[in-house]
């Protein structure tokens, strides 16, 4: 048998192909790095602009004077009035069965939470009877007599009780009922 001696020689062409591929990979990685750096700088710039804008908006809002819409305030007052329980108030006025007493007016001030009743009375002493009747069933006596006025209805007969019309005004804080 004959022996064969084979010498393997490295092919120089493949060496240049691998060098070119490595060079392309390095260039591609460098391009990606530069693009990432530009994008990161742009993102930081946008974030700083956003922060500055938010601070400016906050400063402008702090200086702004808010003008209340009168329609909104009126609507809120109406909602507040509608949420109040006025059954006790009206029951006191409706259940008053005194002779010579007539309801002349009812005024509800929702903002202050006060109700006023104006009665026409036949005589001055009836005012204490009306006050007692309105406070009937309450320990705290929420109804208060605000005023009693008398006006002469017959000309020149001011001194006579029969010719005099007496008006009494009672008030109550709705929260006390």
C-alpha atoms as a PDB file:
ATOM      1  CA  UNK A   1       0.000   0.000   0.000  1.00  0.00           C
ATOM      2  CA  UNK A   2       1.030   3.310  -0.731  1.00  0.00           C
ATOM      3  CA  UNK A   3       0.711   6.095   1.762  1.00  0.00           C
ATOM      4  CA  UNK A   4      -0.910   9.259   0.789  1.00  0.00           C
ATOM      5  CA  UNK A   5       0.132  12.492   2.335  1.00  0.00           C
ATOM      6  CA  UNK A   6      -2.518  15.212   2.203  1.00  0.00           C
ATOM      7  CA  UNK A   7      -1.764  18.742   3.211  1.00  0.00           C
ATOM      8  CA  UNK A   8      -4.791  20.795   4.037  1.00  0.00           C
ATOM      9  CA  UNK A   9      -4.320  24.349   2.971  1.00  0.00           C
ATOM     10  CA  UNK A  10      -6.568  27.034   4.321  1.00  0.00           C
ATOM     11  CA  UNK A  11      -8.495  28.798   1.639  1.00  0.00           C
ATOM     12  CA  UNK A  12      -7.852  32.517   1.807  1.00  0.00           C
ATOM     13  CA  UNK A  13     -11.170  33.399   0.101  1.00  0.00           C
ATOM     14  CA  UNK A  14     -13.305  32.346   3.098  1.00  0.00           C
ATOM     15  CA  UNK A  15     -11.145  34.372   5.414  1.00  0.00           C
ATOM     16  CA  UNK A  16     -12.094  37.575   3.563  1.00  0.00           C
ATOM     17  CA  UNK A  17     -15.794  36.633   3.611  1.00  0.00           C
ATOM     18  CA  UNK A  18     -15.735  36.253   7.393  1.00  0.00           C
ATOM     19  CA  UNK A  19     -13.911  39.564   7.797  1.00  0.00           C
ATOM     20  CA  UNK A  20     -16.495  41.313   5.607  1.00  0.00           C
ATOM     21  CA  UNK A  21     -19.385  39.738   7.583  1.00  0.00           C
ATOM     22  CA  UNK A  22     -17.838  40.804  10.902  1.00  0.00           C
ATOM     23  CA  UNK A  23     -17.279  44.306   9.576  1.00  0.00           C
ATOM     24  CA  UNK A  24     -20.943  44.511   8.473  1.00  0.00           C
ATOM     25  CA  UNK A  25     -22.099  43.263  11.897  1.00  0.00           C
ATOM     26  CA  UNK A  26     -19.973  45.899  13.653  1.00  0.00           C
ATOM     27  CA  UNK A  27     -21.317  48.636  11.368  1.00  0.00           C
ATOM     28  CA  UNK A  28     -24.900  47.474  11.928  1.00  0.00           C
ATOM     29  CA  UNK A  29     -24.410  47.418  15.715  1.00  0.00           C
ATOM     30  CA  UNK A  30     -22.882  50.905  15.563  1.00  0.00           C
ATOM     31  CA  UNK A  31     -25.827  52.208  13.502  1.00  0.00           C
ATOM     32  CA  UNK A  32     -28.306  50.716  15.970  1.00  0.00           C
ATOM     33  CA  UNK A  33     -26.377  52.289  18.862  1.00  0.00           C
ATOM     34  CA  UNK A  34     -26.354  55.718  17.209  1.00  0.00           C
ATOM     35  CA  UNK A  35     -30.090  55.445  16.396  1.00  0.00           C
ATOM     36  CA  UNK A  36     -30.877  54.388  19.989  1.00  0.00           C
ATOM     37  CA  UNK A  37     -28.845  57.311  21.336  1.00  0.00           C
ATOM     38  CA  UNK A  38     -30.667  59.822  19.087  1.00  0.00           C
ATOM     39  CA  UNK A  39     -34.046  58.368  20.057  1.00  0.00           C
ATOM     40  CA  UNK A  40     -33.153  58.474  23.763  1.00  0.00           C
ATOM     41  CA  UNK A  41     -32.103  62.148  23.483  1.00  0.00           C
ATOM     42  CA  UNK A  42     -35.339  63.030  21.653  1.00  0.00           C
ATOM     43  CA  UNK A  43     -37.386  61.217  24.311  1.00  0.00           C
ATOM     44  CA  UNK A  44     -35.613  63.083  27.116  1.00  0.00           C
ATOM     45  CA  UNK A  45     -36.198  66.369  25.281  1.00  0.00           C
ATOM     46  CA  UNK A  46     -39.918  65.607  24.936  1.00  0.00           C
ATOM     47  CA  UNK A  47     -40.162  64.652  28.631  1.00  0.00           C
ATOM     48  CA  UNK A  48     -38.463  67.896  29.703  1.00  0.00           C
ATOM     49  CA  UNK A  49     -40.794  69.940  27.470  1.00  0.00           C
ATOM     50  CA  UNK A  50     -43.795  68.097  28.923  1.00  0.00           C
ATOM     51  CA  UNK A  51     -42.635  68.826  32.466  1.00  0.00           C
ATOM     52  CA  UNK A  52     -42.112  72.514  31.692  1.00  0.00           C
ATOM     53  CA  UNK A  53     -45.541  72.725  30.030  1.00  0.00           C
ATOM     54  CA  UNK A  54     -47.215  71.040  33.009  1.00  0.00           C
ATOM     55  CA  UNK A  55     -45.560  73.531  35.367  1.00  0.00           C
ATOM     56  CA  UNK A  56     -46.745  76.441  33.227  1.00  0.00           C
ATOM     57  CA  UNK A  57     -50.301  75.063  33.166  1.00  0.00           C
ATOM     58  CA  UNK A  58     -50.235  74.687  36.948  1.00  0.00           C
ATOM     59  CA  UNK A  59     -49.042  78.289  37.362  1.00  0.00           C
ATOM     60  CA  UNK A  60     -51.729  79.589  34.996  1.00  0.00           C
ATOM     61  CA  UNK A  61     -54.448  77.617  36.791  1.00  0.00           C
ATOM     62  CA  UNK A  62     -53.286  78.991  40.130  1.00  0.00           C
ATOM     63  CA  UNK A  63     -53.686  82.550  38.840  1.00  0.00           C
ATOM     64  CA  UNK A  64     -57.031  81.896  37.174  1.00  0.00           C
ATOM     65  CA  UNK A  65     -60.119  83.286  38.864  1.00  0.00           C
ATOM     66  CA  UNK A  66     -63.020  80.880  38.686  1.00  0.00           C
ATOM     67  CA  UNK A  67     -66.273  82.666  38.024  1.00  0.00           C
ATOM     68  CA  UNK A  68     -69.207  80.744  39.400  1.00  0.00           C
ATOM     69  CA  UNK A  69     -71.970  80.102  36.931  1.00  0.00           C
ATOM     70  CA  UNK A  70     -75.197  81.523  38.414  1.00  0.00           C
ATOM     71  CA  UNK A  71     -77.201  78.772  36.745  1.00  0.00           C
ATOM     72  CA  UNK A  72     -75.066  76.138  38.465  1.00  0.00           C
ATOM     73  CA  UNK A  73     -75.537  77.772  41.872  1.00  0.00           C
ATOM     74  CA  UNK A  74     -79.276  77.994  41.274  1.00  0.00           C
ATOM     75  CA  UNK A  75     -79.418  74.347  40.250  1.00  0.00           C
ATOM     76  CA  UNK A  76     -77.447  73.292  43.340  1.00  0.00           C
ATOM     77  CA  UNK A  77     -79.801  75.300  45.555  1.00  0.00           C
ATOM     78  CA  UNK A  78     -82.811  73.663  43.897  1.00  0.00           C
ATOM     79  CA  UNK A  79     -81.316  70.212  44.459  1.00  0.00           C
ATOM     80  CA  UNK A  80     -80.669  71.073  48.111  1.00  0.00           C
ATOM     81  CA  UNK A  81     -84.250  72.283  48.551  1.00  0.00           C
ATOM     82  CA  UNK A  82     -85.659  69.187  46.904  1.00  0.00           C
ATOM     83  CA  UNK A  83     -83.664  66.948  49.225  1.00  0.00           C
ATOM     84  CA  UNK A  84     -85.075  68.533  52.375  1.00  0.00           C
ATOM     85  CA  UNK A  85     -87.938  66.834  54.150  1.00  0.00           C
ATOM     86  CA  UNK A  86     -90.642  69.500  54.445  1.00  0.00           C
ATOM     87  CA  UNK A  87     -93.432  67.168  55.590  1.00  0.00           C
ATOM     88  CA  UNK A  88     -93.062  68.179  59.245  1.00  0.00           C
ATOM     89  CA  UNK A  89     -93.064  71.852  58.320  1.00  0.00           C
ATOM     90  CA  UNK A  90     -96.239  71.668  56.273  1.00  0.00           C
ATOM     91  CA  UNK A  91     -97.900  69.333  58.757  1.00  0.00           C
ATOM     92  CA  UNK A  92     -97.464  71.959  61.491  1.00  0.00           C
ATOM     93  CA  UNK A  93     -99.118  74.616  59.346  1.00  0.00           C
ATOM     94  CA  UNK A  94    -101.880  72.349  58.011  1.00  0.00           C
ATOM     95  CA  UNK A  95    -102.851  70.865  61.365  1.00  0.00           C
ATOM     96  CA  UNK A  96    -103.393  74.279  62.945  1.00  0.00           C
ATOM     97  CA  UNK A  97    -107.152  74.374  63.556  1.00  0.00           C
ATOM     98  CA  UNK A  98    -107.624  77.536  65.589  1.00  0.00           C
ATOM     99  CA  UNK A  99    -110.664  79.719  65.020  1.00  0.00           C
ATOM    100  CA  UNK A 100    -109.945  83.216  63.816  1.00  0.00           C
ATOM    101  CA  UNK A 101    -106.565  82.225  62.373  1.00  0.00           C
ATOM    102  CA  UNK A 102    -105.871  82.281  58.645  1.00  0.00           C
ATOM    103  CA  UNK A 103    -102.628  81.515  56.830  1.00  0.00           C
ATOM    104  CA  UNK A 104    -101.597  84.565  54.770  1.00  0.00           C
ATOM    105  CA  UNK A 105     -98.150  83.647  53.540  1.00  0.00           C
ATOM    106  CA  UNK A 106     -95.432  81.016  53.523  1.00  0.00           C
ATOM    107  CA  UNK A 107     -91.809  81.895  52.730  1.00  0.00           C
ATOM    108  CA  UNK A 108     -89.071  79.282  52.368  1.00  0.00           C
ATOM    109  CA  UNK A 109     -85.477  80.509  52.367  1.00  0.00           C
ATOM    110  CA  UNK A 110     -83.558  77.454  51.185  1.00  0.00           C
ATOM    111  CA  UNK A 111     -80.122  79.001  51.472  1.00  0.00           C
ATOM    112  CA  UNK A 112     -80.634  79.896  55.148  1.00  0.00           C
ATOM    113  CA  UNK A 113     -82.815  76.852  55.863  1.00  0.00           C
ATOM    114  CA  UNK A 114     -85.584  78.992  57.372  1.00  0.00           C
ATOM    115  CA  UNK A 115     -89.336  78.824  56.860  1.00  0.00           C
ATOM    116  CA  UNK A 116     -91.619  81.730  57.768  1.00  0.00           C
ATOM    117  CA  UNK A 117     -95.390  81.525  58.191  1.00  0.00           C
ATOM    118  CA  UNK A 118     -97.580  84.592  58.282  1.00  0.00           C
ATOM    119  CA  UNK A 119    -100.982  84.221  59.917  1.00  0.00           C
ATOM    120  CA  UNK A 120    -103.845  86.674  60.155  1.00  0.00           C
ATOM    121  CA  UNK A 121    -105.263  86.640  63.681  1.00  0.00           C
ATOM    122  CA  UNK A 122    -108.524  87.970  65.035  1.00  0.00           C
ATOM    123  CA  UNK A 123    -106.943  89.130  68.325  1.00  0.00           C
ATOM    124  CA  UNK A 124    -103.516  89.711  69.833  1.00  0.00           C
ATOM    125  CA  UNK A 125    -103.765  86.970  72.520  1.00  0.00           C
ATOM    126  CA  UNK A 126    -104.284  84.376  69.777  1.00  0.00           C
ATOM    127  CA  UNK A 127    -100.572  84.674  68.928  1.00  0.00           C
ATOM    128  CA  UNK A 128     -99.542  82.686  72.004  1.00  0.00           C
ATOM    129  CA  UNK A 129    -102.136  80.007  71.189  1.00  0.00           C
ATOM    130  CA  UNK A 130    -100.775  79.710  67.631  1.00  0.00           C
ATOM    131  CA  UNK A 131     -97.213  79.465  68.936  1.00  0.00           C
ATOM    132  CA  UNK A 132     -98.226  76.691  71.337  1.00  0.00           C
ATOM    133  CA  UNK A 133    -100.115  74.866  68.570  1.00  0.00           C
ATOM    134  CA  UNK A 134     -97.172  75.043  66.145  1.00  0.00           C
ATOM    135  CA  UNK A 135     -94.786  73.741  68.822  1.00  0.00           C
ATOM    136  CA  UNK A 136     -97.151  70.930  69.830  1.00  0.00           C
ATOM    137  CA  UNK A 137     -95.317  67.619  69.793  1.00  0.00           C
ATOM    138  CA  UNK A 138     -91.846  69.172  69.983  1.00  0.00           C
ATOM    139  CA  UNK A 139     -89.782  69.300  73.146  1.00  0.00           C
ATOM    140  CA  UNK A 140     -87.335  71.874  71.796  1.00  0.00           C
ATOM    141  CA  UNK A 141     -90.037  74.357  70.685  1.00  0.00           C
ATOM    142  CA  UNK A 142     -88.533  75.122  67.252  1.00  0.00           C
ATOM    143  CA  UNK A 143     -91.241  77.588  66.138  1.00  0.00           C
ATOM    144  CA  UNK A 144     -90.530  81.126  67.273  1.00  0.00           C
ATOM    145  CA  UNK A 145     -92.787  84.159  67.077  1.00  0.00           C
ATOM    146  CA  UNK A 146     -90.888  86.775  65.116  1.00  0.00           C
ATOM    147  CA  UNK A 147     -93.356  89.647  65.140  1.00  0.00           C
ATOM    148  CA  UNK A 148     -96.980  90.603  65.665  1.00  0.00           C
ATOM    149  CA  UNK A 149     -98.345  93.693  63.983  1.00  0.00           C
ATOM    150  CA  UNK A 150    -101.759  95.250  64.175  1.00  0.00           C
ATOM    151  CA  UNK A 151    -103.248  97.561  61.581  1.00  0.00           C
ATOM    152  CA  UNK A 152    -106.469  99.479  61.958  1.00  0.00           C
ATOM    153  CA  UNK A 153    -108.969  98.497  59.278  1.00  0.00           C
ATOM    154  CA  UNK A 154    -111.703 100.933  60.220  1.00  0.00           C
ATOM    155  CA  UNK A 155    -110.844 104.626  59.905  1.00  0.00           C
ATOM    156  CA  UNK A 156    -110.770 106.255  63.335  1.00  0.00           C
ATOM    157  CA  UNK A 157    -111.520 103.060  65.289  1.00  0.00           C
ATOM    158  CA  UNK A 158    -107.934 102.157  66.096  1.00  0.00           C
ATOM    159  CA  UNK A 159    -108.571 101.507  69.786  1.00  0.00           C
ATOM    160  CA  UNK A 160    -111.198  98.797  69.251  1.00  0.00           C
ATOM    161  CA  UNK A 161    -110.047  95.183  69.053  1.00  0.00           C
ATOM    162  CA  UNK A 162    -112.911  94.143  66.780  1.00  0.00           C
ATOM    163  CA  UNK A 163    -111.852  96.632  64.141  1.00  0.00           C
ATOM    164  CA  UNK A 164    -108.222  95.570  64.241  1.00  0.00           C
ATOM    165  CA  UNK A 165    -106.537  92.975  62.039  1.00  0.00           C
ATOM    166  CA  UNK A 166    -103.473  91.359  63.632  1.00  0.00           C
ATOM    167  CA  UNK A 167    -100.752  89.651  61.636  1.00  0.00           C
ATOM    168  CA  UNK A 168     -98.216  87.360  63.200  1.00  0.00           C
ATOM    169  CA  UNK A 169     -95.001  86.071  61.690  1.00  0.00           C
ATOM    170  CA  UNK A 170     -93.478  82.772  62.922  1.00  0.00           C
ATOM    171  CA  UNK A 171     -90.221  81.215  61.777  1.00  0.00           C
ATOM    172  CA  UNK A 172     -88.470  77.888  62.169  1.00  0.00           C
ATOM    173  CA  UNK A 173     -85.067  76.552  61.199  1.00  0.00           C
ATOM    174  CA  UNK A 174     -85.825  73.476  59.138  1.00  0.00           C
ATOM    175  CA  UNK A 175     -82.871  71.577  60.575  1.00  0.00           C
ATOM    176  CA  UNK A 176     -84.395  71.806  64.082  1.00  0.00           C
ATOM    177  CA  UNK A 177     -87.563  69.964  63.103  1.00  0.00           C
END
